[in-house]
Amino acid sequence: MTPSDSGKDITLRIAQNPEADELLGRSPLAALVGMLLDQQVPMEWAFTGPYTLAERMGADDLDAGRIAAYDPDAFTELFTAKPALHRYPGSMAQRVQQLCQYLVAEYDGDASAVWRTATTGDELLERLKALPGFGEQKARIFLALLGKQLGVRPTGWREAAGPYGEAGSHRSVADITGPESLVEVRAYKQEAKAAAKKAKAAKTAKKPGTARKK
């Protein structure tokens, strides 16, 4: 990852692991892969994944071209070896490889090109949504991470990121800067999940029963 707008090297504390966070701060592809893995596992586990994967590949960074061309079965083994890189190592190995194949085809393997040439937040959002494994929410969260912590701020980036782009919020990994903010983000996620579950239950309870035929 290039230095931030302030000219200082970027320091992330998402993985809560110095080596893993150092890689996330300097490697655009590692940051993308971490975001891709961030589902159905703790955030720290997901964002440590790129570092563990690089280690298992015998490298100090991830290379999109190498991953794209890797034998699929052998690449899956890198994910399934204990400790597994994800709760669903097989499917996530496939998604990471698909992401890298897309980056090779569309951006010559340069992950940073996804955002480096985007001129507006909306354009960047569309590029992120086009990445394999990136839906609307994941794209907005990563856009917020780029703007808040990685110095990537095209015009309208906060608006394009939606609520995740709000200053002072603690909604996602974009807001994690250390152990305390991690706790706040995790608490927000748990509250949001509980509220959604309650709303779903209330909606189900209000549904009228099926009328009996006479």
Protein backbone atom coordinates (compact mmCIF):
# COMPACT_ATOMS: atom_id res chain seq x y z
CA MET A 1 0.00 0.00 0.00
CA THR A 2 1.36 3.41 -0.85
CA PRO A 3 1.84 5.99 1.92
CA SER A 4 -1.23 7.94 2.97
CA ASP A 5 -1.97 11.50 1.87
CA SER A 6 -0.01 12.77 4.86
CA GLY A 7 3.11 11.07 3.51
CA LYS A 8 3.37 8.70 6.47
CA ASP A 9 3.40 4.94 6.20
CA ILE A 10 0.01 3.39 6.87
CA THR A 11 -0.46 1.47 10.10
CA LEU A 12 -3.52 -0.74 10.48
CA ARG A 13 -4.66 -2.59 13.59
CA ILE A 14 -7.50 -4.70 12.25
CA ALA A 15 -5.96 -8.15 12.63
CA GLN A 16 -4.61 -7.31 16.10
CA ASN A 17 -1.41 -9.03 14.96
CA PRO A 18 1.61 -6.82 14.16
CA GLU A 19 2.90 -8.86 11.21
CA ALA A 20 -0.53 -9.37 9.70
CA ASP A 21 -1.45 -5.69 10.11
CA GLU A 22 1.86 -4.60 8.61
CA LEU A 23 1.08 -6.64 5.49
CA LEU A 24 -2.43 -5.17 5.27
CA GLY A 25 -0.98 -1.67 5.43
CA ARG A 26 1.49 -2.16 2.58
CA SER A 27 -0.28 -4.64 0.32
CA PRO A 28 -3.41 -3.67 -1.63
CA LEU A 29 -4.12 -7.31 -2.50
CA ALA A 30 -3.78 -8.41 1.13
CA ALA A 31 -6.32 -5.77 2.16
CA LEU A 32 -8.75 -6.93 -0.54
CA VAL A 33 -8.34 -10.59 0.40
CA GLY A 34 -8.85 -9.77 4.08
CA MET A 35 -12.08 -7.99 3.24
CA LEU A 36 -13.20 -10.92 1.10
CA LEU A 37 -12.59 -13.34 3.99
CA ASP A 38 -14.48 -11.14 6.44
CA GLN A 39 -17.70 -13.10 6.72
CA GLN A 40 -18.92 -15.67 9.23
CA VAL A 41 -15.62 -15.54 11.14
CA PRO A 42 -14.18 -13.07 13.67
CA MET A 43 -12.70 -9.98 12.01
CA GLU A 44 -9.23 -10.66 13.39
CA TRP A 45 -9.26 -14.17 11.91
CA ALA A 46 -10.32 -12.88 8.49
CA PHE A 47 -7.69 -10.14 8.28
CA THR A 48 -4.90 -12.39 9.55
CA GLY A 49 -5.69 -14.72 6.65
CA PRO A 50 -3.64 -12.87 3.99
CA TYR A 51 -0.51 -13.00 6.15
CA THR A 52 -0.95 -16.71 6.88
CA LEU A 53 -1.58 -17.40 3.19
CA ALA A 54 1.55 -15.50 2.14
CA GLU A 55 3.58 -17.48 4.69
CA ARG A 56 2.25 -20.77 3.37
CA MET A 57 3.14 -19.68 -0.16
CA GLY A 58 6.68 -18.91 0.99
CA ALA A 59 6.40 -15.19 0.24
CA ASP A 60 6.26 -11.88 2.07
CA ASP A 61 3.29 -10.65 0.03
CA LEU A 62 0.45 -11.97 -2.09
CA ASP A 63 0.74 -11.98 -5.87
CA ALA A 64 -2.47 -11.99 -7.91
CA GLY A 65 -0.86 -13.58 -10.95
CA ARG A 66 0.64 -16.42 -8.95
CA ILE A 67 -2.60 -17.11 -7.09
CA ALA A 68 -4.65 -16.95 -10.30
CA ALA A 69 -2.45 -19.57 -11.94
CA TYR A 70 -2.16 -21.82 -8.86
CA ASP A 71 -3.45 -25.37 -9.12
CA PRO A 72 -6.96 -25.15 -7.56
CA ASP A 73 -6.59 -28.28 -5.44
CA ALA A 74 -3.18 -27.26 -4.15
CA PHE A 75 -4.46 -23.77 -3.41
CA THR A 76 -7.36 -25.21 -1.44
CA GLU A 77 -4.87 -27.22 0.61
CA LEU A 78 -3.22 -23.95 1.64
CA PHE A 79 -6.55 -22.92 3.16
CA THR A 80 -7.50 -26.24 4.72
CA ALA A 81 -4.14 -26.96 6.39
CA LYS A 82 -4.44 -26.57 10.15
CA PRO A 83 -5.11 -24.05 11.45
CA ALA A 84 -7.59 -23.41 8.63
CA LEU A 85 -7.64 -19.94 7.10
CA HIS A 86 -11.42 -19.72 7.37
CA ARG A 87 -14.47 -21.45 8.75
CA TYR A 88 -15.22 -22.50 5.15
CA PRO A 89 -11.71 -22.91 3.75
CA GLY A 90 -12.67 -24.72 0.57
CA SER A 91 -15.19 -22.21 -0.71
CA MET A 92 -13.11 -19.23 0.39
CA ALA A 93 -10.03 -20.58 -1.38
CA GLN A 94 -12.09 -20.70 -4.56
CA ARG A 95 -13.33 -17.13 -4.04
CA VAL A 96 -9.84 -15.77 -3.43
CA GLN A 97 -8.59 -17.44 -6.59
CA GLN A 98 -11.55 -16.07 -8.58
CA LEU A 99 -10.82 -12.59 -7.21
CA CYS A 100 -7.19 -12.81 -8.32
CA GLN A 101 -8.15 -14.14 -11.75
CA TYR A 102 -10.46 -11.16 -12.16
CA LEU A 103 -7.72 -8.74 -11.10
CA VAL A 104 -5.34 -10.29 -13.63
CA ALA A 105 -7.91 -10.04 -16.42
CA GLU A 106 -9.17 -6.53 -15.64
CA TYR A 107 -6.30 -4.77 -13.87
CA ASP A 108 -3.17 -6.64 -15.01
CA GLY A 109 -2.93 -8.14 -11.52
CA ASP A 110 -2.58 -4.75 -9.81
CA ALA A 111 -5.12 -4.60 -6.96
CA SER A 112 -4.43 -0.93 -6.27
CA ALA A 113 -5.55 -0.05 -9.80
CA VAL A 114 -9.11 -0.77 -8.68
CA TRP A 115 -9.11 2.47 -6.69
CA ARG A 116 -6.04 4.38 -7.91
CA THR A 117 -7.71 5.57 -11.12
CA ALA A 118 -11.25 5.99 -9.77
CA THR A 119 -12.22 9.68 -9.89
CA THR A 120 -15.41 9.57 -7.80
CA GLY A 121 -16.76 7.59 -4.90
CA ASP A 122 -19.59 6.23 -7.03
CA GLU A 123 -17.16 5.00 -9.68
CA LEU A 124 -15.04 3.29 -7.03
CA LEU A 125 -18.12 1.68 -5.48
CA GLU A 126 -19.11 0.20 -8.84
CA ARG A 127 -15.60 -1.16 -9.36
CA LEU A 128 -15.60 -2.79 -5.94
CA LYS A 129 -19.07 -4.28 -6.47
CA ALA A 130 -17.79 -5.86 -9.68
CA LEU A 131 -15.11 -7.81 -7.80
CA PRO A 132 -15.91 -11.52 -7.27
CA GLY A 133 -17.18 -12.03 -3.72
CA PHE A 134 -17.93 -8.35 -3.13
CA GLY A 135 -21.61 -7.51 -2.70
CA GLU A 136 -23.10 -4.10 -1.98
CA GLN A 137 -22.37 -4.08 1.75
CA LYS A 138 -18.84 -5.47 1.51
CA ALA A 139 -18.01 -2.97 -1.24
CA ARG A 140 -19.24 -0.04 0.86
CA ILE A 141 -17.32 -1.20 3.93
CA PHE A 142 -14.10 -1.57 1.96
CA LEU A 143 -14.65 1.82 0.36
CA ALA A 144 -14.97 3.27 3.87
CA LEU A 145 -11.77 1.48 4.92
CA LEU A 146 -9.95 2.96 1.93
CA GLY A 147 -11.12 6.45 2.79
CA LYS A 148 -10.82 6.38 6.56
CA GLN A 149 -7.53 4.53 6.97
CA LEU A 150 -5.77 4.10 3.63
CA GLY A 151 -5.90 7.65 2.30
CA VAL A 152 -7.99 6.84 -0.79
CA ARG A 153 -10.56 9.65 -0.96
CA PRO A 154 -12.06 10.34 -4.38
CA THR A 155 -14.79 12.96 -4.53
CA GLY A 156 -17.92 11.76 -2.72
CA TRP A 157 -16.31 8.73 -1.10
CA ARG A 158 -18.15 9.13 2.20
CA GLU A 159 -21.52 9.35 0.48
CA ALA A 160 -20.72 6.32 -1.68
CA ALA A 161 -19.75 4.34 1.42
CA GLY A 162 -23.15 5.09 2.97
CA PRO A 163 -23.40 4.87 6.77
CA TYR A 164 -20.00 3.12 6.88
CA GLY A 165 -18.38 6.34 5.70
CA GLU A 166 -19.71 8.45 8.56
CA ALA A 167 -17.02 10.05 10.69
CA GLY A 168 -16.89 8.80 14.27
CA SER A 169 -18.98 5.69 13.59
CA HIS A 170 -18.11 2.21 14.80
CA ARG A 171 -20.01 0.06 12.32
CA SER A 172 -17.34 -1.97 10.54
CA VAL A 173 -13.69 -2.91 10.11
CA ALA A 174 -13.22 0.53 8.57
CA ASP A 175 -13.45 1.93 12.10
CA ILE A 176 -11.08 -0.47 13.86
CA THR A 177 -7.90 1.28 14.96
CA GLY A 178 -7.04 -0.83 18.00
CA PRO A 179 -8.45 -3.15 20.69
CA GLU A 180 -10.93 -0.62 22.10
CA SER A 181 -12.51 0.24 18.75
CA LEU A 182 -12.63 -3.46 17.90
CA VAL A 183 -14.77 -4.01 20.99
CA GLU A 184 -17.04 -1.11 19.97
CA VAL A 185 -17.46 -2.39 16.41
CA ARG A 186 -18.17 -5.91 17.65
CA ALA A 187 -20.78 -4.56 20.09
CA TYR A 188 -22.44 -2.59 17.29
CA LYS A 189 -22.59 -5.67 15.07
CA GLN A 190 -24.13 -7.75 17.84
CA GLU A 191 -26.74 -5.08 18.57
CA ALA A 192 -27.60 -4.75 14.89
CA LYS A 193 -27.94 -8.51 14.54
CA ALA A 194 -30.20 -8.71 17.59
CA ALA A 195 -32.35 -5.84 16.31
CA ALA A 196 -32.70 -7.48 12.89
CA LYS A 197 -33.68 -10.78 14.50
CA LYS A 198 -36.27 -9.03 16.67
CA ALA A 199 -37.72 -7.13 13.70
CA LYS A 200 -37.96 -10.36 11.69
CA ALA A 201 -39.75 -12.11 14.55
CA ALA A 202 -42.19 -9.21 14.93
CA LYS A 203 -42.91 -9.21 11.19
CA THR A 204 -43.56 -12.95 11.22
CA ALA A 205 -45.91 -12.61 14.20
CA LYS A 206 -47.99 -9.98 12.40
CA LYS A 207 -48.59 -12.12 9.32
CA PRO A 208 -52.26 -13.13 9.15
CA GLY A 209 -53.03 -16.81 9.31
CA THR A 210 -54.26 -18.61 6.25
CA ALA A 211 -58.02 -18.41 6.07
CA ARG A 212 -59.83 -21.73 6.12
CA LYS A 213 -61.95 -22.64 3.16
CA LYS A 214 -65.58 -23.23 3.90
